PDB file of N, CA and C in Angstrom:
ATOM      1  N   ASN A   1      13.032  -3.337  -4.231  1.00  0.00           N
ATOM      2  CA  ASN A   1      11.840  -4.172  -4.209  1.00  0.00           C
ATOM      3  C   ASN A   1      11.231  -4.289  -5.590  1.00  0.00           C
ATOM      4  N   LYS A   2      11.193  -3.190  -6.297  1.00  0.00           N
ATOM      5  CA  LYS A   2      10.590  -3.187  -7.626  1.00  0.00           C
ATOM      6  C   LYS A   2      11.270  -4.209  -8.526  1.00  0.00           C
ATOM      7  N   LYS A   3      12.558  -4.324  -8.403  1.00  0.00           N
ATOM      8  CA  LYS A   3      13.306  -5.217  -9.280  1.00  0.00           C
ATOM      9  C   LYS A   3      13.278  -6.667  -8.781  1.00  0.00           C
ATOM     10  N   TRP A   4      13.526  -6.872  -7.483  1.00  0.00           N
ATOM     11  CA  TRP A   4      13.675  -8.234  -6.977  1.00  0.00           C
ATOM     12  C   TRP A   4      12.364  -8.859  -6.526  1.00  0.00           C
ATOM     13  N   VAL A   5      11.508  -8.101  -5.866  1.00  0.00           N
ATOM     14  CA  VAL A   5      10.257  -8.674  -5.360  1.00  0.00           C
ATOM     15  C   VAL A   5       9.212  -8.771  -6.463  1.00  0.00           C
ATOM     16  N   PHE A   6       9.051  -7.693  -7.226  1.00  0.00           N
ATOM     17  CA  PHE A   6       7.981  -7.640  -8.226  1.00  0.00           C
ATOM     18  C   PHE A   6       8.477  -7.861  -9.651  1.00  0.00           C
ATOM     19  N   GLN A   7       9.756  -8.094  -9.837  1.00  0.00           N
ATOM     20  CA  GLN A   7      10.372  -8.327 -11.151  1.00  0.00           C
ATOM     21  C   GLN A   7       9.928  -7.304 -12.207  1.00  0.00           C
ATOM     22  N   SER A   8       9.959  -6.033 -11.824  1.00  0.00           N
ATOM     23  CA  SER A   8       9.594  -4.979 -12.766  1.00  0.00           C
ATOM     24  C   SER A   8      10.739  -4.758 -13.744  1.00  0.00           C
ATOM     25  N   HIS A   9      10.381  -4.627 -14.993  1.00  0.00           N
ATOM     26  CA  HIS A   9      11.388  -4.411 -16.022  1.00  0.00           C
ATOM     27  C   HIS A   9      11.150  -3.109 -16.782  1.00  0.00           C
ATOM     28  N   ALA A  10      10.471  -2.167 -16.146  1.00  0.00           N
ATOM     29  CA  ALA A  10      10.219  -0.872 -16.790  1.00  0.00           C
ATOM     30  C   ALA A  10      11.556  -0.161 -16.976  1.00  0.00           C
ATOM     31  N   LYS A  11      11.840   0.207 -18.202  1.00  0.00           N
ATOM     32  CA  LYS A  11      13.117   0.851 -18.497  1.00  0.00           C
ATOM     33  C   LYS A  11      12.936   2.247 -19.086  1.00  0.00           C
ATOM     34  N   THR A  12      11.793   2.496 -19.705  1.00  0.00           N
ATOM     35  CA  THR A  12      11.584   3.808 -20.302  1.00  0.00           C
ATOM     36  C   THR A  12      11.170   4.804 -19.230  1.00  0.00           C
ATOM     37  N   THR A  13      11.394   6.065 -19.509  1.00  0.00           N
ATOM     38  CA  THR A  13      11.006   7.116 -18.570  1.00  0.00           C
ATOM     39  C   THR A  13       9.503   7.084 -18.341  1.00  0.00           C
ATOM     40  N   LYS A  14       8.736   6.887 -19.408  1.00  0.00           N
ATOM     41  CA  LYS A  14       7.286   6.826 -19.282  1.00  0.00           C
ATOM     42  C   LYS A  14       6.855   5.661 -18.382  1.00  0.00           C
ATOM     43  N   GLY A  15       7.453   4.500 -18.583  1.00  0.00           N
ATOM     44  CA  GLY A  15       7.114   3.329 -17.780  1.00  0.00           C
ATOM     45  C   GLY A  15       7.468   3.505 -16.315  1.00  0.00           C
ATOM     46  N   ILE A  16       8.633   4.071 -16.057  1.00  0.00           N
ATOM     47  CA  ILE A  16       9.069   4.299 -14.682  1.00  0.00           C
ATOM     48  C   ILE A  16       8.185   5.339 -14.002  1.00  0.00           C
ATOM     49  N   LEU A  17       7.851   6.418 -14.707  1.00  0.00           N
ATOM     50  CA  LEU A  17       6.985   7.454 -14.127  1.00  0.00           C
ATOM     51  C   LEU A  17       5.574   6.926 -13.869  1.00  0.00           C
ATOM     52  N   LEU A  18       5.088   6.058 -14.741  1.00  0.00           N
ATOM     53  CA  LEU A  18       3.776   5.457 -14.535  1.00  0.00           C
ATOM     54  C   LEU A  18       3.781   4.577 -13.283  1.00  0.00           C
ATOM     55  N   GLU A  19       4.822   3.774 -13.123  1.00  0.00           N
ATOM     56  CA  GLU A  19       4.942   2.962 -11.910  1.00  0.00           C
ATOM     57  C   GLU A  19       5.053   3.842 -10.666  1.00  0.00           C
ATOM     58  N   LEU A  20       5.815   4.909 -10.763  1.00  0.00           N
ATOM     59  CA  LEU A  20       5.978   5.819  -9.631  1.00  0.00           C
ATOM     60  C   LEU A  20       4.653   6.453  -9.251  1.00  0.00           C
ATOM     61  N   TRP A  21       3.883   6.904 -10.233  1.00  0.00           N
ATOM     62  CA  TRP A  21       2.572   7.495  -9.982  1.00  0.00           C
ATOM     63  C   TRP A  21       1.641   6.486  -9.311  1.00  0.00           C
ATOM     64  N   LYS A  22       1.597   5.268  -9.846  1.00  0.00           N
ATOM     65  CA  LYS A  22       0.743   4.230  -9.274  1.00  0.00           C
ATOM     66  C   LYS A  22       1.180   3.886  -7.848  1.00  0.00           C
ATOM     67  N   PHE A  23       2.506   3.827  -7.635  1.00  0.00           N
ATOM     68  CA  PHE A  23       3.036   3.525  -6.314  1.00  0.00           C
ATOM     69  C   PHE A  23       2.559   4.553  -5.289  1.00  0.00           C
ATOM     70  N   PHE A  24       2.709   5.840  -5.604  1.00  0.00           N
ATOM     71  CA  PHE A  24       2.278   6.880  -4.672  1.00  0.00           C
ATOM     72  C   PHE A  24       0.765   6.878  -4.485  1.00  0.00           C
ATOM     73  N   ALA A  25       0.015   6.622  -5.543  1.00  0.00           N
ATOM     74  CA  ALA A  25      -1.447   6.577  -5.437  1.00  0.00           C
ATOM     75  C   ALA A  25      -1.886   5.449  -4.504  1.00  0.00           C
ATOM     76  N   VAL A  26      -1.261   4.286  -4.637  1.00  0.00           N
ATOM     77  CA  VAL A  26      -1.584   3.152  -3.765  1.00  0.00           C
ATOM     78  C   VAL A  26      -1.225   3.481  -2.323  1.00  0.00           C
ATOM     79  N   ARG A  27      -0.068   4.068  -2.102  1.00  0.00           N
ATOM     80  CA  ARG A  27       0.354   4.404  -0.739  1.00  0.00           C
ATOM     81  C   ARG A  27      -0.556   5.457  -0.113  1.00  0.00           C
ATOM     82  N   ILE A  28      -1.006   6.412  -0.889  1.00  0.00           N
ATOM     83  CA  ILE A  28      -1.959   7.408  -0.368  1.00  0.00           C
ATOM     84  C   ILE A  28      -3.275   6.722  -0.016  1.00  0.00           C
ATOM     85  N   GLY A  29      -3.710   5.808  -0.858  1.00  0.00           N
ATOM     86  CA  GLY A  29      -4.940   5.061  -0.587  1.00  0.00           C
ATOM     87  C   GLY A  29      -4.849   4.251   0.695  1.00  0.00           C
ATOM     88  N   THR A  30      -3.730   3.551   0.897  1.00  0.00           N
ATOM     89  CA  THR A  30      -3.589   2.752   2.106  1.00  0.00           C
ATOM     90  C   THR A  30      -3.367   3.630   3.338  1.00  0.00           C
ATOM     91  N   PHE A  31      -2.843   4.834   3.146  1.00  0.00           N
ATOM     92  CA  PHE A  31      -2.749   5.777   4.265  1.00  0.00           C
ATOM     93  C   PHE A  31      -4.144   6.114   4.784  1.00  0.00           C
ATOM     94  N   PHE A  32      -5.071   6.362   3.858  1.00  0.00           N
ATOM     95  CA  PHE A  32      -6.435   6.682   4.273  1.00  0.00           C
ATOM     96  C   PHE A  32      -7.136   5.476   4.904  1.00  0.00           C
ATOM     97  N   ILE A  33      -6.840   4.287   4.416  1.00  0.00           N
ATOM     98  CA  ILE A  33      -7.373   3.082   5.055  1.00  0.00           C
ATOM     99  C   ILE A  33      -6.833   2.979   6.479  1.00  0.00           C
ATOM    100  N   ASP A  34      -5.539   3.222   6.640  1.00  0.00           N
ATOM    101  CA  ASP A  34      -4.897   3.240   7.955  1.00  0.00           C
ATOM    102  C   ASP A  34      -5.591   4.246   8.866  1.00  0.00           C
ATOM    103  N   LEU A  35      -5.803   5.435   8.371  1.00  0.00           N
ATOM    104  CA  LEU A  35      -6.446   6.503   9.140  1.00  0.00           C
ATOM    105  C   LEU A  35      -7.867   6.124   9.559  1.00  0.00           C
ATOM    106  N   ILE A  36      -8.625   5.573   8.638  1.00  0.00           N
ATOM    107  CA  ILE A  36     -10.012   5.182   8.926  1.00  0.00           C
ATOM    108  C   ILE A  36     -10.063   4.073   9.979  1.00  0.00           C
ATOM    109  N   ILE A  37      -9.171   3.086   9.839  1.00  0.00           N
ATOM    110  CA  ILE A  37      -9.129   1.999  10.822  1.00  0.00           C
ATOM    111  C   ILE A  37      -8.838   2.557  12.211  1.00  0.00           C
ATOM    112  N   MET A  38      -7.862   3.436  12.314  1.00  0.00           N
ATOM    113  CA  MET A  38      -7.503   3.992  13.624  1.00  0.00           C
ATOM    114  C   MET A  38      -8.631   4.853  14.196  1.00  0.00           C
ATOM    115  N   ILE A  39      -9.277   5.643  13.378  1.00  0.00           N
ATOM    116  CA  ILE A  39     -10.385   6.469  13.861  1.00  0.00           C
ATOM    117  C   ILE A  39     -11.517   5.589  14.387  1.00  0.00           C
ATOM    118  N   ILE A  40     -11.878   4.574  13.620  1.00  0.00           N
ATOM    119  CA  ILE A  40     -12.985   3.706  14.026  1.00  0.00           C
ATOM    120  C   ILE A  40     -12.654   2.959  15.318  1.00  0.00           C
ATOM    121  N   PHE A  41     -11.497   2.297  15.353  1.00  0.00           N
ATOM    122  CA  PHE A  41     -11.216   1.422  16.479  1.00  0.00           C
ATOM    123  C   PHE A  41     -10.700   2.137  17.724  1.00  0.00           C
ATOM    124  N   VAL A  42      -9.998   3.257  17.561  1.00  0.00           N
ATOM    125  CA  VAL A  42      -9.464   3.954  18.730  1.00  0.00           C
ATOM    126  C   VAL A  42     -10.395   5.079  19.181  1.00  0.00           C
ATOM    127  N   ASP A  43     -10.772   5.953  18.261  1.00  0.00           N
ATOM    128  CA  ASP A  43     -11.575   7.115  18.646  1.00  0.00           C
ATOM    129  C   ASP A  43     -13.041   6.780  18.895  1.00  0.00           C
ATOM    130  N   ILE A  44     -13.611   5.920  18.071  1.00  0.00           N
ATOM    131  CA  ILE A  44     -15.041   5.624  18.197  1.00  0.00           C
ATOM    132  C   ILE A  44     -15.292   4.443  19.133  1.00  0.00           C
ATOM    133  N   LEU A  45     -14.577   3.335  18.927  1.00  0.00           N
ATOM    134  CA  LEU A  45     -14.829   2.128  19.723  1.00  0.00           C
ATOM    135  C   LEU A  45     -13.961   2.041  20.990  1.00  0.00           C
ATOM    136  N   HIS A  46     -12.981   2.929  21.120  1.00  0.00           N
ATOM    137  CA  HIS A  46     -12.119   3.038  22.309  1.00  0.00           C
ATOM    138  C   HIS A  46     -11.322   1.772  22.610  1.00  0.00           C
ATOM    139  N   PHE A  47     -10.796   1.141  21.554  1.00  0.00           N
ATOM    140  CA  PHE A  47      -9.898   0.010  21.740  1.00  0.00           C
ATOM    141  C   PHE A  47      -8.514   0.551  22.085  1.00  0.00           C
ATOM    142  N   ASP A  48      -7.640  -0.331  22.560  1.00  0.00           N
ATOM    143  CA  ASP A  48      -6.269   0.056  22.887  1.00  0.00           C
ATOM    144  C   ASP A  48      -5.533   0.498  21.614  1.00  0.00           C
ATOM    145  N   SER A  49      -4.936   1.681  21.662  1.00  0.00           N
ATOM    146  CA  SER A  49      -4.316   2.246  20.461  1.00  0.00           C
ATOM    147  C   SER A  49      -3.094   1.460  19.989  1.00  0.00           C
ATOM    148  N   LEU A  50      -2.298   0.937  20.900  1.00  0.00           N
ATOM    149  CA  LEU A  50      -1.103   0.192  20.504  1.00  0.00           C
ATOM    150  C   LEU A  50      -1.477  -1.104  19.788  1.00  0.00           C
ATOM    151  N   ILE A  51      -2.407  -1.830  20.344  1.00  0.00           N
ATOM    152  CA  ILE A  51      -2.848  -3.079  19.710  1.00  0.00           C
ATOM    153  C   ILE A  51      -3.484  -2.787  18.354  1.00  0.00           C
ATOM    154  N   CYS A  52      -4.307  -1.756  18.300  1.00  0.00           N
ATOM    155  CA  CYS A  52      -4.940  -1.380  17.025  1.00  0.00           C
ATOM    156  C   CYS A  52      -3.896  -0.994  15.988  1.00  0.00           C
ATOM    157  N   LYS A  53      -2.872  -0.256  16.387  1.00  0.00           N
ATOM    158  CA  LYS A  53      -1.841   0.173  15.438  1.00  0.00           C
ATOM    159  C   LYS A  53      -1.043  -1.016  14.921  1.00  0.00           C
ATOM    160  N   ILE A  54      -0.763  -1.974  15.785  1.00  0.00           N
ATOM    161  CA  ILE A  54      -0.032  -3.175  15.350  1.00  0.00           C
ATOM    162  C   ILE A  54      -0.857  -3.956  14.327  1.00  0.00           C
ATOM    163  N   VAL A  55      -2.115  -4.208  14.657  1.00  0.00           N
ATOM    164  CA  VAL A  55      -2.999  -4.930  13.733  1.00  0.00           C
ATOM    165  C   VAL A  55      -3.182  -4.128  12.447  1.00  0.00           C
ATOM    166  N   ASP A  56      -3.365  -2.827  12.588  1.00  0.00           N
ATOM    167  CA  ASP A  56      -3.530  -1.934  11.441  1.00  0.00           C
ATOM    168  C   ASP A  56      -2.303  -1.987  10.531  1.00  0.00           C
ATOM    169  N   ASN A  57      -1.115  -1.957  11.106  1.00  0.00           N
ATOM    170  CA  ASN A  57       0.107  -2.021  10.296  1.00  0.00           C
ATOM    171  C   ASN A  57       0.211  -3.331   9.526  1.00  0.00           C
ATOM    172  N   VAL A  58      -0.180  -4.423  10.149  1.00  0.00           N
ATOM    173  CA  VAL A  58      -0.167  -5.713   9.451  1.00  0.00           C
ATOM    174  C   VAL A  58      -1.118  -5.662   8.252  1.00  0.00           C
ATOM    175  N   ILE A  59      -2.311  -5.140   8.470  1.00  0.00           N
ATOM    176  CA  ILE A  59      -3.303  -5.024   7.389  1.00  0.00           C
ATOM    177  C   ILE A  59      -2.775  -4.138   6.263  1.00  0.00           C
ATOM    178  N   VAL A  60      -2.202  -2.999   6.613  1.00  0.00           N
ATOM    179  CA  VAL A  60      -1.714  -2.049   5.602  1.00  0.00           C
ATOM    180  C   VAL A  60      -0.536  -2.628   4.822  1.00  0.00           C
ATOM    181  N   VAL A  61       0.364  -3.327   5.483  1.00  0.00           N
ATOM    182  CA  VAL A  61       1.492  -3.949   4.776  1.00  0.00           C
ATOM    183  C   VAL A  61       0.984  -4.976   3.774  1.00  0.00           C
ATOM    184  N   ILE A  62       0.028  -5.794   4.178  1.00  0.00           N
ATOM    185  CA  ILE A  62      -0.545  -6.792   3.266  1.00  0.00           C
ATOM    186  C   ILE A  62      -1.252  -6.114   2.096  1.00  0.00           C
ATOM    187  N   LEU A  63      -2.045  -5.075   2.390  1.00  0.00           N
ATOM    188  CA  LEU A  63      -2.723  -4.342   1.313  1.00  0.00           C
ATOM    189  C   LEU A  63      -1.725  -3.679   0.366  1.00  0.00           C
ATOM    190  N   ASN A  64      -0.641  -3.111   0.910  1.00  0.00           N
ATOM    191  CA  ASN A  64       0.380  -2.500   0.058  1.00  0.00           C
ATOM    192  C   ASN A  64       1.015  -3.528  -0.866  1.00  0.00           C
ATOM    193  N   TYR A  65       1.301  -4.712  -0.337  1.00  0.00           N
ATOM    194  CA  TYR A  65       1.902  -5.761  -1.167  1.00  0.00           C
ATOM    195  C   TYR A  65       0.944  -6.199  -2.277  1.00  0.00           C
ATOM    196  N   ILE A  66      -0.303  -6.469  -1.897  1.00  0.00           N
ATOM    197  CA  ILE A  66      -1.290  -6.924  -2.878  1.00  0.00           C
ATOM    198  C   ILE A  66      -1.526  -5.859  -3.946  1.00  0.00           C
ATOM    199  N   ALA A  67      -1.690  -4.620  -3.519  1.00  0.00           N
ATOM    200  CA  ALA A  67      -1.922  -3.536  -4.478  1.00  0.00           C
ATOM    201  C   ALA A  67      -0.703  -3.323  -5.372  1.00  0.00           C
ATOM    202  N   SER A  68       0.488  -3.452  -4.811  1.00  0.00           N
ATOM    203  CA  SER A  68       1.692  -3.312  -5.633  1.00  0.00           C
ATOM    204  C   SER A  68       1.762  -4.428  -6.665  1.00  0.00           C
ATOM    205  N   LYS A  69       1.406  -5.622  -6.260  1.00  0.00           N
ATOM    206  CA  LYS A  69       1.444  -6.776  -7.173  1.00  0.00           C
ATOM    207  C   LYS A  69       0.393  -6.643  -8.281  1.00  0.00           C
ATOM    208  N   ILE A  70      -0.810  -6.195  -7.905  1.00  0.00           N
ATOM    209  CA  ILE A  70      -1.920  -6.157  -8.855  1.00  0.00           C
ATOM    210  C   ILE A  70      -1.956  -4.871  -9.677  1.00  0.00           C
ATOM    211  N   ILE A  71      -1.652  -3.731  -9.046  1.00  0.00           N
ATOM    212  CA  ILE A  71      -1.831  -2.440  -9.704  1.00  0.00           C
ATOM    213  C   ILE A  71      -0.509  -1.839 -10.199  1.00  0.00           C
ATOM    214  N   VAL A  72       0.454  -1.731  -9.310  1.00  0.00           N
ATOM    215  CA  VAL A  72       1.667  -0.980  -9.635  1.00  0.00           C
ATOM    216  C   VAL A  72       2.588  -1.751 -10.566  1.00  0.00           C
ATOM    217  N   PHE A  73       2.917  -2.965 -10.219  1.00  0.00           N
ATOM    218  CA  PHE A  73       3.921  -3.729 -10.976  1.00  0.00           C
ATOM    219  C   PHE A  73       3.314  -4.920 -11.684  1.00  0.00           C
ATOM    220  N   LYS A  74       2.091  -4.759 -12.192  1.00  0.00           N
ATOM    221  CA  LYS A  74       1.450  -5.892 -12.867  1.00  0.00           C
ATOM    222  C   LYS A  74       2.205  -6.243 -14.145  1.00  0.00           C
ATOM    223  N   LYS A  75       2.164  -7.507 -14.457  1.00  0.00           N
ATOM    224  CA  LYS A  75       2.858  -7.997 -15.649  1.00  0.00           C
ATOM    225  C   LYS A  75       2.090  -7.579 -16.897  1.00  0.00           C
ATOM    226  N   GLU A  76       2.802  -7.069 -17.855  1.00  0.00           N
ATOM    227  CA  GLU A  76       2.199  -6.702 -19.137  1.00  0.00           C
ATOM    228  C   GLU A  76       2.035  -7.946 -19.982  1.00  0.00           C
ATOM    229  N   LYS A  77       0.938  -8.020 -20.716  1.00  0.00           N
ATOM    230  CA  LYS A  77       0.691  -9.194 -21.565  1.00  0.00           C
ATOM    231  C   LYS A  77       1.321  -9.033 -22.904  1.00  0.00           C
TER     232      LYS A  77
END
């Protein structure tokens, strides 16, 4: 994905490690967003857990893509 979807051209060890760090940081961030959404809608508001998880996964996938595009694999000027 890094190469074909985001056209990343990081070749140095420093560049690759920086992308890796940002990638994990973004994924940890969206994990907590996922967790908060599920707690609010399932535990507090008592919505159906399966429907909430499906909607939640769609939201998290979109957020992961946007964050990867903007933060992790942003084009250098």
